[in-house]
Amino acid sequence: MSVLRTIRVATRGSRLALAQTEWVVARLREAHPGLDFQVVTLRTAGDRTQRAGIPLSRVGGKGLFTRELEEALLDGRVDLAVHSLKDLPSDLPSGLTLGCVPPREDPRDALLSPDGRGLRDLAPGTRVGTSSLRRTAQLRRLRPDLELAPVRGNVDTRLRKLATGQYGALVMAAAGLHRLGLRDRISAYLAPEECLPAAGQGALGIEVRDGDEAILALLRPLHDPVTAAAVRAERAFLARLTEELEGRGPVPGDPAAGVPGQAPPLSGTCQVPVAAHAALDGDRLHLHGLVALPDGSRVVKAAGDGPADAPEQLGRAVAETVLRTGGRQMLRQAHGLAGEEGESP
């Protein structure tokens, strides 16, 4: 590794993105004490959109938080980029690859309330802020008597809105709160059986130039095969739903199907309530997936298990079950009815 220059690490500039990147850089410094690492902060279109208060689904969804980092990778300004994996589209630009998936943080959603109440203890009519249709659809089934409202901004902005009484509670990703040292603000965790997480939630993805063997070798100590298998199954589930939304059937022998990070994008992941979560039990991988209507009036769920070394096959098989049992029609209906909320912290 001595031939490497200073390693430039790209990240967004939000407090959460910086915390995640500093965690990665700290692990890299431990593994490679002789190397120098420089954090390069870039502002993305998604950051500008969030600051302006514009719903993400109006302007293109998840790729908004990654495009500028990927451009910096492609033109050689940086050597790797750290992403929240749920923000990283499945179809990476030509010349880039998902080089490393570190150990996953808690994938669950979390409820925050001023008085520490859990979801079932909230008073009827409580205004609950959440940033995604996925959460909204599932929460409406759990507590139809609550007022579910979109909430914009980064973690600090949302917490201020809770403190000033604009919301009676918030539902956010637990992982982001943990990484920011805000675990004590969580009133209750929502089990995956209550609110299935977004695919990749709680996981980080480190993107690199395809074929950059020196950087790939540098990242190897951080890679967690267990997390990687789980998120590969989740992303394959989304990839099969993408094919359905785009009017394409499954592609036999599609080389992208077995390559992590290279599956097709889910058109409208931010606009359609879709969730997937996988977990390893011994040498078996278990996956749950769902598609819902935005108002939560209908939900189709499916589950399956398979060998841990074949996560893509499992993801696609569970997706086929969802599609076959009503999800196909619901997916198209949800895509047409979806509102303005996007998936974010």
Protein backbone atom coordinates (compact mmCIF):
# COMPACT_ATOMS: atom_id res chain seq x y z
CA MET A 1 0.00 0.00 0.00
CA SER A 2 2.99 2.32 0.21
CA VAL A 3 2.55 3.34 -3.44
CA LEU A 4 -0.77 5.02 -2.67
CA ARG A 5 -0.97 8.79 -2.39
CA THR A 6 -3.24 10.53 0.09
CA ILE A 7 -6.63 8.79 -0.06
CA ARG A 8 -9.42 11.26 -0.78
CA VAL A 9 -12.80 10.30 0.67
CA ALA A 10 -15.93 11.98 -0.71
CA THR A 11 -19.01 12.66 1.39
CA ARG A 12 -22.00 14.93 1.62
CA GLY A 13 -21.73 17.77 4.09
CA SER A 14 -24.63 17.00 6.43
CA ARG A 15 -23.80 16.24 10.05
CA LEU A 16 -24.96 12.65 9.61
CA ALA A 17 -22.99 12.12 6.39
CA LEU A 18 -19.86 13.52 8.01
CA ALA A 19 -20.32 11.33 11.10
CA GLN A 20 -20.66 8.25 8.91
CA THR A 21 -17.61 9.18 6.86
CA GLU A 22 -15.49 9.92 9.93
CA TRP A 23 -16.41 6.47 11.24
CA VAL A 24 -15.22 4.90 7.98
CA VAL A 25 -12.03 6.97 7.94
CA ALA A 26 -11.27 6.05 11.56
CA ARG A 27 -11.55 2.34 10.70
CA LEU A 28 -9.33 2.83 7.65
CA ARG A 29 -6.70 4.63 9.73
CA GLU A 30 -6.71 1.75 12.21
CA ALA A 31 -6.24 -0.76 9.40
CA HIS A 32 -3.66 1.31 7.50
CA PRO A 33 -1.78 3.54 9.99
CA GLY A 34 0.82 4.52 7.39
CA LEU A 35 -1.69 6.14 5.03
CA ASP A 36 -3.13 9.64 4.99
CA PHE A 37 -6.87 10.18 4.48
CA GLN A 38 -8.50 13.44 3.41
CA VAL A 39 -12.27 13.99 3.67
CA VAL A 40 -13.66 15.90 0.67
CA THR A 41 -17.09 17.43 1.32
CA LEU A 42 -19.37 17.89 -1.68
CA ARG A 43 -22.81 19.45 -1.88
CA THR A 44 -25.33 17.41 -3.84
CA ALA A 45 -28.50 18.37 -5.67
CA GLY A 46 -30.40 16.55 -2.94
CA ASP A 47 -28.84 18.77 -0.29
CA ARG A 48 -29.93 21.87 -2.19
CA THR A 49 -33.39 20.41 -2.67
CA GLN A 50 -33.73 19.61 1.03
CA ARG A 51 -32.60 23.09 2.01
CA ALA A 52 -35.23 24.58 -0.29
CA GLY A 53 -37.91 22.37 1.25
CA ILE A 54 -38.80 20.73 -2.08
CA PRO A 55 -40.07 17.12 -1.87
CA LEU A 56 -37.46 14.75 -3.26
CA SER A 57 -39.98 12.88 -5.41
CA ARG A 58 -40.63 16.01 -7.45
CA VAL A 59 -37.07 16.22 -8.68
CA GLY A 60 -35.82 12.70 -9.18
CA GLY A 61 -35.49 10.69 -5.99
CA LYS A 62 -32.47 8.99 -4.46
CA GLY A 63 -29.78 9.68 -7.04
CA LEU A 64 -29.92 13.30 -5.96
CA PHE A 65 -27.71 12.49 -2.97
CA THR A 66 -25.02 10.62 -4.91
CA ARG A 67 -24.53 12.12 -8.37
CA GLU A 68 -21.94 14.75 -7.49
CA LEU A 69 -19.90 12.25 -5.47
CA GLU A 70 -19.95 9.83 -8.39
CA GLU A 71 -18.84 12.53 -10.81
CA ALA A 72 -15.90 13.30 -8.51
CA LEU A 73 -14.98 9.60 -8.51
CA LEU A 74 -15.19 9.31 -12.28
CA ASP A 75 -13.02 12.36 -12.97
CA GLY A 76 -10.41 11.34 -10.40
CA ARG A 77 -10.95 14.09 -7.82
CA VAL A 78 -11.60 11.51 -5.08
CA ASP A 79 -10.72 7.85 -4.53
CA LEU A 80 -13.83 6.57 -2.77
CA ALA A 81 -17.25 7.85 -1.71
CA VAL A 82 -19.23 7.01 1.42
CA HIS A 83 -23.01 6.75 1.07
CA SER A 84 -26.01 5.72 3.12
CA LEU A 85 -26.76 2.57 1.17
CA LYS A 86 -30.48 3.27 0.97
CA ASP A 87 -29.64 6.51 -0.89
CA LEU A 88 -27.42 4.73 -3.43
CA PRO A 89 -29.33 3.73 -6.58
CA SER A 90 -28.93 0.14 -7.63
CA ASP A 91 -27.76 1.06 -11.13
CA LEU A 92 -24.33 2.56 -10.62
CA PRO A 93 -22.73 4.58 -13.43
CA SER A 94 -20.44 2.72 -15.81
CA GLY A 95 -16.95 2.65 -14.35
CA LEU A 96 -18.06 2.57 -10.70
CA THR A 97 -18.74 -0.30 -8.33
CA LEU A 98 -19.83 -0.91 -4.76
CA GLY A 99 -16.47 -1.77 -3.25
CA CYS A 100 -17.31 -2.31 0.41
CA VAL A 101 -20.27 -2.74 2.76
CA PRO A 102 -19.22 -2.27 6.42
CA PRO A 103 -21.12 -3.82 9.34
CA ARG A 104 -24.71 -2.61 9.52
CA GLU A 105 -26.10 -0.34 12.20
CA ASP A 106 -29.62 -0.90 13.56
CA PRO A 107 -31.94 -1.13 10.51
CA ARG A 108 -35.15 -0.36 12.42
CA ASP A 109 -37.22 2.80 12.45
CA ALA A 110 -37.46 4.68 15.73
CA LEU A 111 -40.14 6.82 17.36
CA LEU A 112 -39.25 10.06 19.13
CA SER A 113 -41.75 11.81 21.39
CA PRO A 114 -41.25 14.61 23.95
CA ASP A 115 -42.62 12.56 26.84
CA GLY A 116 -41.09 9.22 25.89
CA ARG A 117 -44.31 7.57 24.73
CA GLY A 118 -44.20 4.68 22.30
CA LEU A 119 -46.32 4.37 19.19
CA ARG A 120 -49.20 2.57 20.88
CA ASP A 121 -49.29 5.12 23.72
CA LEU A 122 -49.65 8.23 21.56
CA ALA A 123 -52.95 10.05 21.98
CA PRO A 124 -55.38 9.83 19.05
CA GLY A 125 -54.86 12.73 16.66
CA THR A 126 -51.18 13.17 17.55
CA ARG A 127 -49.33 14.75 14.62
CA VAL A 128 -46.51 12.39 13.68
CA GLY A 129 -43.82 13.57 11.26
CA THR A 130 -42.19 11.13 8.87
CA SER A 131 -40.26 11.58 5.65
CA SER A 132 -41.32 8.55 3.63
CA LEU A 133 -44.38 6.98 2.09
CA ARG A 134 -43.03 3.61 3.22
CA ARG A 135 -43.36 4.59 6.87
CA THR A 136 -46.62 6.45 6.33
CA ALA A 137 -48.34 3.48 4.68
CA GLN A 138 -47.34 1.09 7.46
CA LEU A 139 -48.03 3.50 10.31
CA ARG A 140 -51.52 4.15 8.98
CA ARG A 141 -52.27 0.48 9.35
CA LEU A 142 -50.90 0.38 12.88
CA ARG A 143 -52.48 3.62 14.10
CA PRO A 144 -55.13 4.97 11.69
CA ASP A 145 -56.19 7.48 14.37
CA LEU A 146 -52.91 9.44 14.16
CA GLU A 147 -52.27 12.44 11.91
CA LEU A 148 -49.31 11.51 9.73
CA ALA A 149 -47.59 14.51 8.16
CA PRO A 150 -44.45 14.97 6.04
CA VAL A 151 -41.41 16.47 7.76
CA ARG A 152 -38.52 18.07 5.89
CA GLY A 153 -34.93 18.87 6.73
CA ASN A 154 -31.96 17.15 8.31
CA VAL A 155 -31.97 15.43 11.68
CA ASP A 156 -31.30 18.61 13.68
CA THR A 157 -34.06 20.51 11.86
CA ARG A 158 -36.56 17.75 12.56
CA LEU A 159 -35.63 17.61 16.23
CA ARG A 160 -36.17 21.38 16.49
CA LYS A 161 -39.62 20.98 14.95
CA LEU A 162 -40.43 18.33 17.55
CA ALA A 163 -39.14 20.51 20.40
CA THR A 164 -41.20 23.51 19.27
CA GLY A 165 -44.42 21.52 19.11
CA GLN A 166 -44.86 21.42 15.35
CA TYR A 167 -45.10 17.64 15.71
CA GLY A 168 -46.16 15.45 18.60
CA ALA A 169 -43.76 12.70 17.53
CA LEU A 170 -41.30 11.78 14.79
CA VAL A 171 -40.42 8.50 13.12
CA MET A 172 -36.87 8.32 11.78
CA ALA A 173 -34.20 5.75 10.99
CA ALA A 174 -32.60 4.52 14.20
CA ALA A 175 -29.18 4.20 12.57
CA GLY A 176 -28.82 7.90 11.90
CA LEU A 177 -29.71 8.77 15.48
CA HIS A 178 -27.22 6.22 16.79
CA ARG A 179 -24.42 7.56 14.58
CA LEU A 180 -25.08 11.10 15.78
CA GLY A 181 -24.98 10.10 19.45
CA LEU A 182 -28.73 10.70 19.84
CA ARG A 183 -29.73 7.25 21.03
CA ASP A 184 -31.18 8.75 24.21
CA ARG A 185 -33.74 10.71 22.17
CA ILE A 186 -35.43 7.50 21.01
CA SER A 187 -38.67 6.67 22.81
CA ALA A 188 -39.27 3.31 21.14
CA TYR A 189 -38.05 1.15 18.28
CA LEU A 190 -40.44 -0.17 15.66
CA ALA A 191 -39.85 -3.87 15.07
CA PRO A 192 -39.59 -4.95 11.42
CA GLU A 193 -42.87 -6.82 11.96
CA GLU A 194 -44.52 -3.44 12.66
CA CYS A 195 -42.70 -1.24 10.16
CA LEU A 196 -40.50 -3.00 7.64
CA PRO A 197 -37.38 -0.92 6.93
CA ALA A 198 -36.22 0.45 3.59
CA ALA A 199 -33.82 -1.75 1.65
CA GLY A 200 -30.30 -1.02 2.84
CA GLN A 201 -31.45 0.99 5.85
CA GLY A 202 -28.73 1.18 8.51
CA ALA A 203 -26.00 0.11 6.08
CA LEU A 204 -23.23 2.13 4.44
CA GLY A 205 -21.97 1.62 0.91
CA ILE A 206 -18.49 2.65 -0.21
CA GLU A 207 -18.33 3.34 -3.93
CA VAL A 208 -15.06 3.16 -5.89
CA ARG A 209 -13.81 3.10 -9.46
CA ASP A 210 -14.26 -0.28 -11.08
CA GLY A 211 -10.90 -2.04 -11.34
CA ASP A 212 -9.12 0.14 -8.76
CA GLU A 213 -7.52 -2.85 -7.08
CA ALA A 214 -5.40 -0.80 -4.67
CA ILE A 215 -8.46 0.94 -3.19
CA LEU A 216 -10.48 -2.27 -3.16
CA ALA A 217 -7.69 -3.98 -1.20
CA LEU A 218 -7.55 -1.04 1.20
CA LEU A 219 -11.28 -1.42 1.92
CA ARG A 220 -11.21 -5.18 2.46
CA PRO A 221 -10.76 -5.03 6.27
CA LEU A 222 -13.98 -3.00 6.57
CA HIS A 223 -16.16 -5.29 4.46
CA ASP A 224 -18.77 -7.36 6.30
CA PRO A 225 -19.99 -10.40 4.32
CA VAL A 226 -23.08 -10.82 6.53
CA THR A 227 -24.30 -7.28 5.90
CA ALA A 228 -23.36 -7.53 2.24
CA ALA A 229 -25.45 -10.68 1.77
CA ALA A 230 -28.47 -9.10 3.46
CA VAL A 231 -28.41 -5.90 1.43
CA ARG A 232 -27.78 -7.78 -1.81
CA ALA A 233 -31.02 -9.70 -1.21
CA GLU A 234 -32.88 -6.49 -0.40
CA ARG A 235 -31.57 -4.69 -3.47
CA ALA A 236 -32.39 -7.68 -5.69
CA PHE A 237 -35.97 -7.54 -4.38
CA LEU A 238 -36.15 -3.90 -5.48
CA ALA A 239 -34.52 -4.70 -8.81
CA ARG A 240 -37.23 -7.18 -9.73
CA LEU A 241 -39.92 -4.63 -8.86
CA THR A 242 -38.07 -2.14 -11.06
CA GLU A 243 -38.39 -4.47 -14.00
CA GLU A 244 -42.12 -4.62 -13.40
CA LEU A 245 -42.51 -0.84 -13.21
CA GLU A 246 -40.50 -0.40 -16.38
CA GLY A 247 -42.51 -3.02 -18.24
CA ARG A 248 -39.66 -5.52 -18.34
CA GLY A 249 -39.88 -9.10 -17.20
CA PRO A 250 -37.08 -10.92 -15.44
CA VAL A 251 -34.04 -11.22 -17.68
CA PRO A 252 -32.74 -14.81 -17.74
CA GLY A 253 -28.99 -14.91 -17.34
CA ASP A 254 -28.80 -11.16 -16.71
CA PRO A 255 -25.20 -10.68 -15.53
CA ALA A 256 -26.28 -7.74 -13.37
CA ALA A 257 -28.48 -10.00 -11.27
CA GLY A 258 -25.50 -11.51 -9.45
CA VAL A 259 -23.36 -8.42 -9.03
CA PRO A 260 -23.93 -6.37 -5.86
CA GLY A 261 -24.70 -2.76 -6.64
CA GLN A 262 -25.36 -3.36 -10.34
CA ALA A 263 -29.09 -4.19 -10.39
CA PRO A 264 -31.53 -1.91 -12.22
CA PRO A 265 -32.97 1.07 -10.32
CA LEU A 266 -36.42 1.01 -8.81
CA SER A 267 -38.25 3.75 -10.69
CA GLY A 268 -39.87 5.81 -7.99
CA THR A 269 -38.45 4.12 -4.90
CA CYS A 270 -39.22 7.38 -3.13
CA GLN A 271 -42.72 7.49 -4.62
CA VAL A 272 -43.88 3.92 -3.99
CA PRO A 273 -44.16 2.35 -0.52
CA VAL A 274 -41.73 -0.57 -0.86
CA ALA A 275 -39.74 -2.19 1.94
CA ALA A 276 -37.34 -5.09 2.31
CA HIS A 277 -35.27 -6.48 5.15
CA ALA A 278 -33.03 -9.54 5.27
CA ALA A 279 -31.25 -11.23 8.17
CA LEU A 280 -28.87 -14.16 8.41
CA ASP A 281 -29.60 -17.19 10.60
CA GLY A 282 -26.76 -19.67 10.43
CA ASP A 283 -26.17 -20.36 6.76
CA ARG A 284 -29.69 -19.30 5.75
CA LEU A 285 -30.79 -15.83 4.72
CA HIS A 286 -34.35 -14.76 5.57
CA LEU A 287 -35.99 -11.93 3.61
CA HIS A 288 -39.25 -10.05 4.13
CA GLY A 289 -40.58 -7.67 1.49
CA LEU A 290 -43.71 -5.63 0.91
CA VAL A 291 -45.49 -3.27 -1.44
CA ALA A 292 -48.26 -0.96 -0.20
CA LEU A 293 -50.62 1.71 -1.40
CA PRO A 294 -49.61 5.17 -0.13
CA ASP A 295 -52.68 5.42 2.10
CA GLY A 296 -51.92 2.06 3.70
CA SER A 297 -55.28 0.63 2.66
CA ARG A 298 -53.64 -2.38 1.02
CA VAL A 299 -50.34 -4.12 1.72
CA VAL A 300 -48.90 -7.21 0.08
CA LYS A 301 -46.17 -8.98 2.03
CA ALA A 302 -44.03 -11.99 1.29
CA ALA A 303 -41.15 -13.80 2.94
CA GLY A 304 -38.67 -16.45 1.99
CA ASP A 305 -35.34 -17.96 2.88
CA GLY A 306 -32.41 -19.35 0.96
CA PRO A 307 -28.69 -20.05 1.07
CA ALA A 308 -26.61 -17.14 2.29
CA ASP A 309 -24.39 -17.44 -0.77
CA ALA A 310 -27.30 -16.82 -3.17
CA PRO A 311 -28.87 -13.55 -1.95
CA GLU A 312 -29.93 -12.25 -5.36
CA GLN A 313 -31.93 -15.37 -6.11
CA LEU A 314 -33.73 -15.02 -2.78
CA GLY A 315 -34.51 -11.35 -3.36
CA ARG A 316 -35.97 -12.00 -6.78
CA ALA A 317 -37.96 -15.02 -5.58
CA VAL A 318 -39.62 -13.03 -2.78
CA ALA A 319 -40.37 -10.23 -5.24
CA GLU A 320 -42.03 -12.73 -7.60
CA THR A 321 -44.25 -13.89 -4.74
CA VAL A 322 -45.26 -10.30 -3.99
CA LEU A 323 -46.05 -9.66 -7.65
CA ARG A 324 -47.99 -12.90 -8.05
CA THR A 325 -50.18 -12.30 -4.98
CA GLY A 326 -51.47 -8.84 -5.88
CA GLY A 327 -48.35 -6.74 -5.77
CA ARG A 328 -48.16 -6.34 -9.54
CA GLN A 329 -51.40 -4.37 -9.73
CA MET A 330 -50.73 -2.56 -6.47
CA LEU A 331 -47.27 -1.47 -7.58
CA ARG A 332 -48.61 0.25 -10.66
CA GLN A 333 -51.51 1.76 -8.73
CA ALA A 334 -49.20 3.05 -6.00
CA HIS A 335 -46.82 4.52 -8.56
CA GLY A 336 -49.70 6.50 -10.03
CA LEU A 337 -51.14 7.61 -6.69
CA ALA A 338 -47.91 8.37 -4.82
CA GLY A 339 -47.62 11.68 -3.08
CA GLU A 340 -44.71 13.98 -2.51
CA GLU A 341 -42.72 12.42 0.29
CA GLY A 342 -39.35 10.79 -0.31
CA GLU A 343 -37.23 8.43 1.71
CA SER A 344 -34.64 10.13 3.91
CA PRO A 345 -33.41 9.94 7.52
